[in-house]
Protein backbone atom coordinates (compact mmCIF):
# COMPACT_ATOMS: atom_id res chain seq x y z
CA MET A 1 -53.56 18.24 185.25
CA ASN A 2 -55.17 16.06 182.87
CA SER A 3 -56.91 13.25 184.74
CA GLU A 4 -54.51 10.52 182.26
CA ASN A 5 -51.86 11.57 184.80
CA ASN A 6 -54.10 8.97 187.79
CA ARG A 7 -54.37 5.84 185.31
CA GLU A 8 -52.20 3.71 183.44
CA LEU A 9 -53.00 3.36 179.22
CA LEU A 10 -51.97 1.16 176.58
CA CYS A 11 -48.91 2.41 174.68
CA ILE A 12 -47.98 0.98 170.65
CA ALA A 13 -45.09 1.51 169.76
CA GLY A 14 -45.04 2.93 166.64
CA GLN A 15 -42.55 4.13 163.77
CA GLU A 16 -42.54 7.92 164.41
CA LYS A 17 -44.09 8.00 168.13
CA ASN A 18 -45.98 5.92 170.60
CA TYR A 19 -50.15 5.74 170.30
CA ALA A 20 -51.91 5.38 174.05
CA LEU A 21 -55.26 4.14 174.36
CA GLU A 22 -56.89 4.41 177.58
CA LEU A 23 -58.08 0.88 179.51
CA LYS A 24 -61.28 1.01 179.71
CA TRP A 25 -61.42 0.64 175.68
CA ILE A 26 -59.75 -2.53 175.57
CA ALA A 27 -61.25 -5.59 175.14
CA GLU A 28 -58.26 -8.01 174.65
CA ILE A 29 -55.12 -8.37 172.65
CA TYR A 30 -54.16 -11.02 169.96
CA ALA A 31 -50.95 -12.14 168.68
CA ASP A 32 -50.70 -13.93 165.21
CA VAL A 33 -53.68 -14.11 164.28
CA HIS A 34 -55.36 -14.94 160.87
CA ILE A 35 -57.01 -12.28 159.49
CA SER A 36 -59.31 -12.69 156.25
CA SER A 37 -58.71 -10.20 153.12
CA PHE A 38 -61.76 -8.65 151.58
CA PRO A 39 -62.47 -6.80 148.81
CA CYS A 40 -63.24 -3.30 148.10
CA LEU A 41 -61.85 -2.18 152.03
CA PRO A 42 -60.84 1.91 152.18
CA PRO A 43 -57.07 1.53 152.39
CA HIS A 44 -56.75 1.43 155.93
CA TYR A 45 -58.27 -1.43 156.88
CA LEU A 46 -56.36 -4.39 156.72
CA GLY A 47 -59.38 -7.04 156.91
CA MET A 48 -61.67 -8.67 158.93
CA TYR A 49 -61.29 -10.93 161.88
CA ASN A 50 -63.46 -13.34 163.07
CA TYR A 51 -63.71 -12.48 167.16
CA LYS A 52 -65.79 -14.70 169.16
CA GLY A 53 -67.95 -15.39 166.42
CA ARG A 54 -68.13 -11.61 165.01
CA ILE A 55 -66.89 -10.81 161.80
CA ILE A 56 -65.28 -7.30 162.97
CA PRO A 57 -62.94 -5.04 160.70
CA VAL A 58 -59.35 -4.42 161.52
CA ILE A 59 -57.85 -0.77 160.91
CA ARG A 60 -53.64 -0.37 160.57
CA LEU A 61 -52.25 1.68 162.83
CA GLU A 62 -50.14 3.08 160.28
CA GLU A 63 -48.52 1.66 157.12
CA GLY A 64 -46.12 -1.83 157.58
CA GLU A 65 -46.46 -5.05 159.05
CA TRP A 66 -48.76 -6.15 161.73
CA ARG A 67 -47.78 -8.39 164.83
CA VAL A 68 -50.58 -7.94 167.04
CA LEU A 69 -54.40 -7.29 167.25
CA VAL A 70 -55.70 -5.18 169.97
CA ILE A 71 -59.62 -5.69 169.99
CA VAL A 72 -61.26 -2.28 170.71
CA ARG A 73 -64.20 -1.56 172.35
CA CYS A 74 -66.59 1.18 172.66
CA GLU A 75 -70.23 1.67 172.99
CA GLU A 76 -71.55 -0.76 170.70
CA SER A 77 -68.69 -0.47 167.82
CA LEU A 78 -66.13 -3.05 168.19
CA PHE A 79 -62.93 -3.28 165.81
CA ALA A 80 -59.69 -4.63 165.98
CA MET A 81 -56.58 -2.34 165.80
CA ALA A 82 -53.59 -3.70 164.31
CA ALA A 83 -49.97 -3.25 165.78
CA ALA A 84 -46.74 -4.09 164.89
CA ARG A 85 -45.38 -4.26 168.27
CA GLU A 86 -46.63 -5.70 171.25
CA PRO A 87 -48.30 -3.25 173.51
CA PHE A 88 -46.99 -2.23 176.66
CA ILE A 89 -48.63 -0.35 179.92
CA ILE A 90 -48.10 3.17 180.87
CA SER A 91 -48.02 5.07 183.90
CA GLY A 92 -49.79 8.71 183.57
CA ASP A 93 -47.40 10.06 185.57
CA ALA A 94 -44.53 9.43 183.40
CA LEU A 95 -46.43 11.43 180.82
CA GLU A 96 -45.40 15.11 179.95
CA GLU A 97 -48.60 17.03 178.14
CA ILE A 98 -47.12 19.14 174.90
CA GLU A 99 -48.81 21.04 172.13
CA SER A 100 -49.84 19.28 168.83
CA LEU A 101 -49.31 20.73 166.03
CA HIS A 102 -52.52 18.93 164.29
CA PRO A 103 -54.58 17.67 167.39
CA GLU A 104 -57.74 16.70 165.39
CA SER A 105 -56.18 13.86 163.16
CA LEU A 106 -53.13 11.64 162.64
CA ALA A 107 -52.88 9.10 159.47
CA GLY A 108 -56.33 10.21 157.90
CA LEU A 109 -58.05 8.02 160.24
CA TRP A 110 -57.17 8.41 164.16
CA LEU A 111 -58.09 11.21 165.98
CA GLU A 112 -55.82 12.52 168.78
CA LYS A 113 -56.81 13.58 172.13
CA THR A 114 -53.66 14.57 173.67
CA LEU A 115 -50.16 14.82 173.02
CA TYR A 116 -47.51 13.67 175.56
CA GLN A 117 -44.06 13.21 175.25
CA MET A 118 -42.41 10.23 177.59
CA GLU A 119 -39.17 9.77 177.71
CA GLY A 120 -38.52 12.03 174.70
CA ALA A 121 -40.76 10.06 172.59
CA LEU A 122 -43.98 11.40 171.56
CA VAL A 123 -47.41 9.94 172.57
CA SER A 124 -50.70 10.57 170.92
CA LEU A 125 -53.56 9.56 173.53
CA LEU A 126 -55.34 8.69 171.24
CA ASP A 127 -59.65 9.55 170.78
CA ILE A 128 -61.21 6.46 170.86
CA PRO A 129 -65.00 7.56 170.69
CA GLY A 130 -64.07 10.73 168.07
CA THR A 131 -62.12 7.93 165.82
CA VAL A 132 -65.17 5.42 165.84
CA GLU A 133 -67.62 8.47 165.18
CA LYS A 134 -65.51 9.44 162.05
CA ILE A 135 -65.06 5.84 161.42
CA LEU A 136 -69.41 5.06 161.29
CA SER A 137 -69.23 8.44 159.32
CA GLU A 138 -67.67 7.58 156.22
CA ASN A 139 -69.05 3.69 156.30
CA GLU A 140 -72.43 5.99 155.93
CA ASN A 141 -71.00 7.93 152.84
CA VAL A 142 -70.24 5.45 150.87
């Protein structure tokens, strides 16, 4: 039994599957906010957001429209995840772990920790520390 089964996760509905984050990584959630465009950002970046006086990058969870920002804090790193739908809480007890075909990465940027099934839908638990490390290493190479 995985430790995620004993706690709640933040779930964001995606186009083809849902994404989950451990609550310890969530700083805040905002809807209908202004994102400033910024030139020369990589394709998965949407722009920048002024979070309590700190300018942070906004990264797309998936391609398409967005309505909600999930502010993610991992150690000293802070960024916003843009999502199309409002997130909701799920219980780890409702998840059934399945084998992932590509356990190490998702849509180019996001790393997957575990893949689950819940009521017939796929739920990808995102590896936030691994994703932050990947983002930082990509920024060093620019």
